[in-house]
C-alpha atoms as a PDB file:
ATOM      1  CA  MET A   1       0.000   0.000   0.000  1.00  0.00           C
ATOM      2  CA  GLU A   2       1.205   3.502  -0.817  1.00  0.00           C
ATOM      3  CA  LYS A   3       2.011   5.719   2.098  1.00  0.00           C
ATOM      4  CA  LEU A   4      -0.682   8.233   2.981  1.00  0.00           C
ATOM      5  CA  PRO A   5       0.490  11.695   4.013  1.00  0.00           C
ATOM      6  CA  PHE A   6       0.140  11.862   7.775  1.00  0.00           C
ATOM      7  CA  ASP A   7      -1.937  15.022   7.789  1.00  0.00           C
ATOM      8  CA  PRO A   8      -5.394  14.321   6.345  1.00  0.00           C
ATOM      9  CA  GLN A   9      -5.783  18.035   5.569  1.00  0.00           C
ATOM     10  CA  SER A  10      -3.130  17.580   2.868  1.00  0.00           C
ATOM     11  CA  TRP A  11      -4.780  14.580   1.168  1.00  0.00           C
ATOM     12  CA  GLY A  12      -5.878  14.887  -2.416  1.00  0.00           C
ATOM     13  CA  VAL A  13      -8.905  13.059  -3.794  1.00  0.00           C
ATOM     14  CA  ASP A  14      -6.694  10.049  -4.639  1.00  0.00           C
ATOM     15  CA  ASP A  15      -5.312   9.906  -1.104  1.00  0.00           C
ATOM     16  CA  THR A  16      -8.827   9.977   0.292  1.00  0.00           C
ATOM     17  CA  SER A  17      -9.973   7.106  -1.893  1.00  0.00           C
ATOM     18  CA  LEU A  18      -6.820   5.176  -1.005  1.00  0.00           C
ATOM     19  CA  TRP A  19      -7.650   5.745   2.667  1.00  0.00           C
ATOM     20  CA  ALA A  20     -11.261   4.731   2.057  1.00  0.00           C
ATOM     21  CA  ARG A  21     -10.253   1.457   0.391  1.00  0.00           C
ATOM     22  CA  GLU A  22      -7.157   0.372   2.293  1.00  0.00           C
ATOM     23  CA  VAL A  23      -7.455   1.906   5.737  1.00  0.00           C
ATOM     24  CA  ALA A  24     -11.153   2.362   6.393  1.00  0.00           C
ATOM     25  CA  LYS A  25     -12.071  -0.700   4.262  1.00  0.00           C
ATOM     26  CA  LEU A  26     -15.195   1.004   2.958  1.00  0.00           C
ATOM     27  CA  ASN A  27     -17.322  -0.746   0.370  1.00  0.00           C
ATOM     28  CA  ALA A  28     -16.942   0.045  -3.322  1.00  0.00           C
ATOM     29  CA  ASP A  29     -20.075   2.208  -3.452  1.00  0.00           C
ATOM     30  CA  THR A  30     -18.861   4.426  -0.656  1.00  0.00           C
ATOM     31  CA  VAL A  31     -15.399   4.735  -2.175  1.00  0.00           C
ATOM     32  CA  GLN A  32     -16.968   5.631  -5.521  1.00  0.00           C
ATOM     33  CA  SER A  33     -19.231   8.168  -3.880  1.00  0.00           C
ATOM     34  CA  LEU A  34     -16.236   9.904  -2.281  1.00  0.00           C
ATOM     35  CA  LEU A  35     -14.505   9.948  -5.667  1.00  0.00           C
ATOM     36  CA  ASP A  36     -17.563  11.223  -7.548  1.00  0.00           C
ATOM     37  CA  ASN A  37     -17.878  14.061  -5.076  1.00  0.00           C
ATOM     38  CA  GLU A  38     -14.150  14.804  -5.272  1.00  0.00           C
ATOM     39  CA  VAL A  39     -13.782  14.525  -1.527  1.00  0.00           C
ATOM     40  CA  ASP A  40     -10.234  15.402  -0.501  1.00  0.00           C
ATOM     41  CA  GLY A  41      -8.826  15.196   3.006  1.00  0.00           C
ATOM     42  CA  SER A  42      -9.873  18.605   4.252  1.00  0.00           C
ATOM     43  CA  THR A  43     -13.394  18.012   2.915  1.00  0.00           C
ATOM     44  CA  LEU A  44     -13.452  14.577   4.538  1.00  0.00           C
ATOM     45  CA  VAL A  45     -12.637  15.804   8.036  1.00  0.00           C
ATOM     46  CA  ALA A  46     -15.110  18.684   7.666  1.00  0.00           C
ATOM     47  CA  LEU A  47     -18.053  16.453   6.701  1.00  0.00           C
ATOM     48  CA  GLU A  48     -21.093  16.533   8.950  1.00  0.00           C
ATOM     49  CA  LYS A  49     -23.038  13.388   9.736  1.00  0.00           C
ATOM     50  CA  GLU A  50     -25.967  14.675   7.698  1.00  0.00           C
ATOM     51  CA  ASP A  51     -23.724  15.213   4.616  1.00  0.00           C
ATOM     52  CA  LEU A  52     -23.224  11.491   4.275  1.00  0.00           C
ATOM     53  CA  ARG A  53     -26.867  11.065   3.367  1.00  0.00           C
ATOM     54  CA  THR A  54     -27.590  14.379   1.634  1.00  0.00           C
ATOM     55  CA  GLU A  55     -24.324  15.229  -0.147  1.00  0.00           C
ATOM     56  CA  LEU A  56     -22.836  11.769  -0.672  1.00  0.00           C
ATOM     57  CA  GLY A  57     -26.205  10.146  -1.280  1.00  0.00           C
ATOM     58  CA  MET A  58     -25.493   7.188   1.030  1.00  0.00           C
ATOM     59  CA  LYS A  59     -28.772   5.369   1.615  1.00  0.00           C
ATOM     60  CA  SER A  60     -27.569   2.597   3.880  1.00  0.00           C
ATOM     61  CA  LEU A  61     -27.549   3.530   7.548  1.00  0.00           C
ATOM     62  CA  ALA A  62     -24.951   0.848   8.276  1.00  0.00           C
ATOM     63  CA  ALA A  63     -22.609   2.208   5.607  1.00  0.00           C
ATOM     64  CA  ARG A  64     -23.074   5.766   6.890  1.00  0.00           C
ATOM     65  CA  LYS A  65     -22.316   4.756  10.457  1.00  0.00           C
ATOM     66  CA  TYR A  66     -19.277   2.846   9.316  1.00  0.00           C
ATOM     67  CA  LEU A  67     -17.953   5.789   7.307  1.00  0.00           C
ATOM     68  CA  TRP A  68     -18.731   8.202  10.142  1.00  0.00           C
ATOM     69  CA  HIS A  69     -16.681   6.124  12.598  1.00  0.00           C
ATOM     70  CA  ALA A  70     -13.819   6.004  10.131  1.00  0.00           C
ATOM     71  CA  ILE A  71     -13.917   9.786   9.681  1.00  0.00           C
ATOM     72  CA  GLU A  72     -13.976  10.310  13.438  1.00  0.00           C
ATOM     73  CA  ARG A  73     -10.924   8.100  13.720  1.00  0.00           C
ATOM     74  CA  VAL A  74      -9.039  10.171  11.123  1.00  0.00           C
ATOM     75  CA  ARG A  75     -10.054  13.382  12.890  1.00  0.00           C
ATOM     76  CA  TRP A  76      -8.995  11.995  16.204  1.00  0.00           C
ATOM     77  CA  GLN A  77      -5.608  10.784  14.992  1.00  0.00           C
ATOM     78  CA  HIS A  78      -5.011  14.159  13.421  1.00  0.00           C
ATOM     79  CA  GLU A  79      -5.952  16.099  16.560  1.00  0.00           C
ATOM     80  CA  SER A  80      -3.968  13.883  18.859  1.00  0.00           C
ATOM     81  CA  SER A  81      -0.922  14.132  16.607  1.00  0.00           C
ATOM     82  CA  ASP A  82      -1.239  17.923  16.673  1.00  0.00           C
ATOM     83  CA  TYR A  83      -1.466  17.704  20.417  1.00  0.00           C
ATOM     84  CA  SER A  84       1.547  15.482  20.848  1.00  0.00           C
ATOM     85  CA  LEU A  85       3.550  17.727  18.521  1.00  0.00           C
ATOM     86  CA  ALA A  86       2.656  20.636  20.785  1.00  0.00           C
ATOM     87  CA  ILE A  87       3.808  18.670  23.814  1.00  0.00           C
ATOM     88  CA  ASP A  88       7.070  17.700  22.085  1.00  0.00           C
ATOM     89  CA  LEU A  89       7.673  21.350  21.295  1.00  0.00           C
ATOM     90  CA  HIS A  90       6.989  22.273  24.896  1.00  0.00           C
ATOM     91  CA  GLN A  91       9.459  19.578  25.963  1.00  0.00           C
ATOM     92  CA  LYS A  92      12.120  21.015  23.624  1.00  0.00           C
ATOM     93  CA  GLU A  93      11.642  24.459  25.137  1.00  0.00           C
ATOM     94  CA  ILE A  94      12.075  23.015  28.613  1.00  0.00           C
ATOM     95  CA  ASP A  95      15.208  21.159  27.520  1.00  0.00           C
ATOM     96  CA  GLY A  96      16.475  24.396  26.038  1.00  0.00           C
ATOM     97  CA  LEU A  97      15.947  26.175  29.340  1.00  0.00           C
ATOM     98  CA  ALA A  98      17.634  23.360  31.184  1.00  0.00           C
ATOM     99  CA  ALA A  99      20.650  23.553  28.858  1.00  0.00           C
ATOM    100  CA  GLN A 100      21.080  27.286  29.479  1.00  0.00           C
ATOM    101  CA  HIS A 101      21.205  26.601  33.154  1.00  0.00           C
ATOM    102  CA  PRO A 102      23.938  24.301  34.450  1.00  0.00           C
ATOM    103  CA  GLY A 103      22.643  24.021  38.019  1.00  0.00           C
ATOM    104  CA  ASP A 104      23.760  27.456  39.196  1.00  0.00           C
ATOM    105  CA  ALA A 105      20.806  28.130  41.452  1.00  0.00           C
ATOM    106  CA  ASN A 106      23.172  28.757  44.404  1.00  0.00           C
ATOM    107  CA  LYS A 107      25.238  31.377  42.552  1.00  0.00           C
ATOM    108  CA  LYS A 108      22.085  33.327  41.908  1.00  0.00           C
ATOM    109  CA  LYS A 109      21.296  33.542  45.611  1.00  0.00           C
ATOM    110  CA  ARG A 110      24.743  34.975  46.418  1.00  0.00           C
ATOM    111  CA  GLY A 111      24.940  37.630  43.730  1.00  0.00           C
ATOM    112  CA  HIS A 112      21.512  39.206  43.393  1.00  0.00           C
ATOM    113  CA  HIS A 113      22.620  41.421  40.547  1.00  0.00           C
ATOM    114  CA  HIS A 114      22.222  39.075  37.570  1.00  0.00           C
ATOM    115  CA  HIS A 115      18.460  38.828  37.478  1.00  0.00           C
ATOM    116  CA  HIS A 116      18.441  40.036  33.889  1.00  0.00           C
ATOM    117  CA  HIS A 117      19.829  36.646  32.796  1.00  0.00           C
ATOM    118  CA  HIS A 118      16.455  35.020  33.381  1.00  0.00           C
ATOM    119  CA  VAL A 119      18.043  32.191  35.262  1.00  0.00           C
ATOM    120  CA  VAL A 120      15.498  29.439  35.712  1.00  0.00           C
ATOM    121  CA  ASP A 121      15.956  27.500  38.905  1.00  0.00           C
ATOM    122  CA  ASP A 122      15.713  23.739  39.230  1.00  0.00           C
ATOM    123  CA  GLU A 123      12.376  23.877  40.962  1.00  0.00           C
ATOM    124  CA  VAL A 124      10.710  25.651  38.049  1.00  0.00           C
ATOM    125  CA  LEU A 125      12.334  23.298  35.566  1.00  0.00           C
ATOM    126  CA  ASN A 126      11.146  20.254  37.462  1.00  0.00           C
ATOM    127  CA  LEU A 127       7.659  21.678  37.566  1.00  0.00           C
ATOM    128  CA  LEU A 128       7.665  22.279  33.820  1.00  0.00           C
ATOM    129  CA  GLN A 129       9.060  18.789  33.189  1.00  0.00           C
ATOM    130  CA  SER A 130       6.448  17.012  35.264  1.00  0.00           C
ATOM    131  CA  ASP A 131       3.731  19.166  33.741  1.00  0.00           C
ATOM    132  CA  ALA A 132       4.768  18.086  30.240  1.00  0.00           C
ATOM    133  CA  GLN A 133       4.805  14.452  31.339  1.00  0.00           C
ATOM    134  CA  ARG A 134       1.371  14.799  32.899  1.00  0.00           C
ATOM    135  CA  GLN A 135       0.008  16.358  29.692  1.00  0.00           C
ATOM    136  CA  ARG A 136       1.381  13.463  27.672  1.00  0.00           C
ATOM    137  CA  GLN A 137      -0.111  10.932  30.077  1.00  0.00           C
ATOM    138  CA  ILE A 138      -3.516  12.599  29.882  1.00  0.00           C
ATOM    139  CA  MET A 139      -3.311  12.505  26.120  1.00  0.00           C
ATOM    140  CA  GLU A 140      -2.385   8.824  26.029  1.00  0.00           C
ATOM    141  CA  ASP A 141      -5.218   7.907  28.388  1.00  0.00           C
ATOM    142  CA  HIS A 142      -7.587   9.968  26.293  1.00  0.00           C
ATOM    143  CA  PHE A 143      -6.353   8.328  23.108  1.00  0.00           C
ATOM    144  CA  LEU A 144      -6.800   4.845  24.562  1.00  0.00           C
ATOM    145  CA  ALA A 145     -10.306   5.607  25.811  1.00  0.00           C
ATOM    146  CA  HIS A 146     -11.204   6.967  22.407  1.00  0.00           C
ATOM    147  CA  ARG A 147      -9.836   3.922  20.606  1.00  0.00           C
ATOM    148  CA  LEU A 148     -11.833   1.602  22.866  1.00  0.00           C
ATOM    149  CA  GLN A 149     -14.931   3.693  22.314  1.00  0.00           C
ATOM    150  CA  LEU A 150     -14.483   3.440  18.547  1.00  0.00           C
ATOM    151  CA  GLY A 151     -14.328  -0.318  18.858  1.00  0.00           C
ATOM    152  CA  GLY A 152     -10.656  -1.136  19.135  1.00  0.00           C
ATOM    153  CA  GLY A 153      -9.551   1.228  16.434  1.00  0.00           C
ATOM    154  CA  GLY A 154      -9.172  -1.593  13.865  1.00  0.00           C
ATOM    155  CA  GLY A 155     -11.213  -1.484  10.687  1.00  0.00           C
ATOM    156  CA  GLY A 156     -12.535  -4.990  10.417  1.00  0.00           C
ATOM    157  CA  ASP A 157     -14.380  -5.554  13.675  1.00  0.00           C
ATOM    158  CA  ASP A 158     -17.460  -3.508  12.812  1.00  0.00           C
ATOM    159  CA  ASP A 159     -20.125  -5.672  11.174  1.00  0.00           C
ATOM    160  CA  GLY A 160     -21.746  -2.592   9.701  1.00  0.00           C
ATOM    161  CA  GLU A 161     -20.920  -3.583   6.131  1.00  0.00           C
ATOM    162  CA  SER A 162     -22.480  -6.130   3.864  1.00  0.00           C
END
C-alpha cells in the first residue's frame, strides 16, 4: 500500500480514496461516492453526519455509520498528533531552558545582581518537566479511551458492512 500523508488536511482526492479502500475498508459504493464528489482530506474531516446522506447520497444507515466512525478516527488521529507535537515542542523548550542553566541556582542567591539573565531555577524546571509528562499521560489515556470507544480502532471488527 502507498504511504498516505500523515496530515489528512493535505490529502488529495486520490489519497482519500486510497484511505477509504485500504485503511477504512469502505465498500466500493462508498469509495466511488467519495470519488464522484471529489472529496479530498480537508473536505473529509469537515463532513457533517448529515452530509453522508444528503451530499454523498449514502442510503444505507450501516454504511453511513461505518464511514462516520472512520472519519472520526481520522479526525482523532489528526488532533492527537497535533497535540503530541505541541507537547514535544513544549518539551524542547524546557530542555532548552535546562541547557542554558547548568545548576547554578546557588550562585544566583549569592549575587543578586544578575536577574536580567532570566536564570530558571531547578524547581521551576522540574515543575515544567512534570507538567509536560502529565500532559502526555492525559493525552495517552484519552487516546486509549477513544480507541476503545471506537471499537478497538481496527477497521474490520465492525459488522456494519455487507
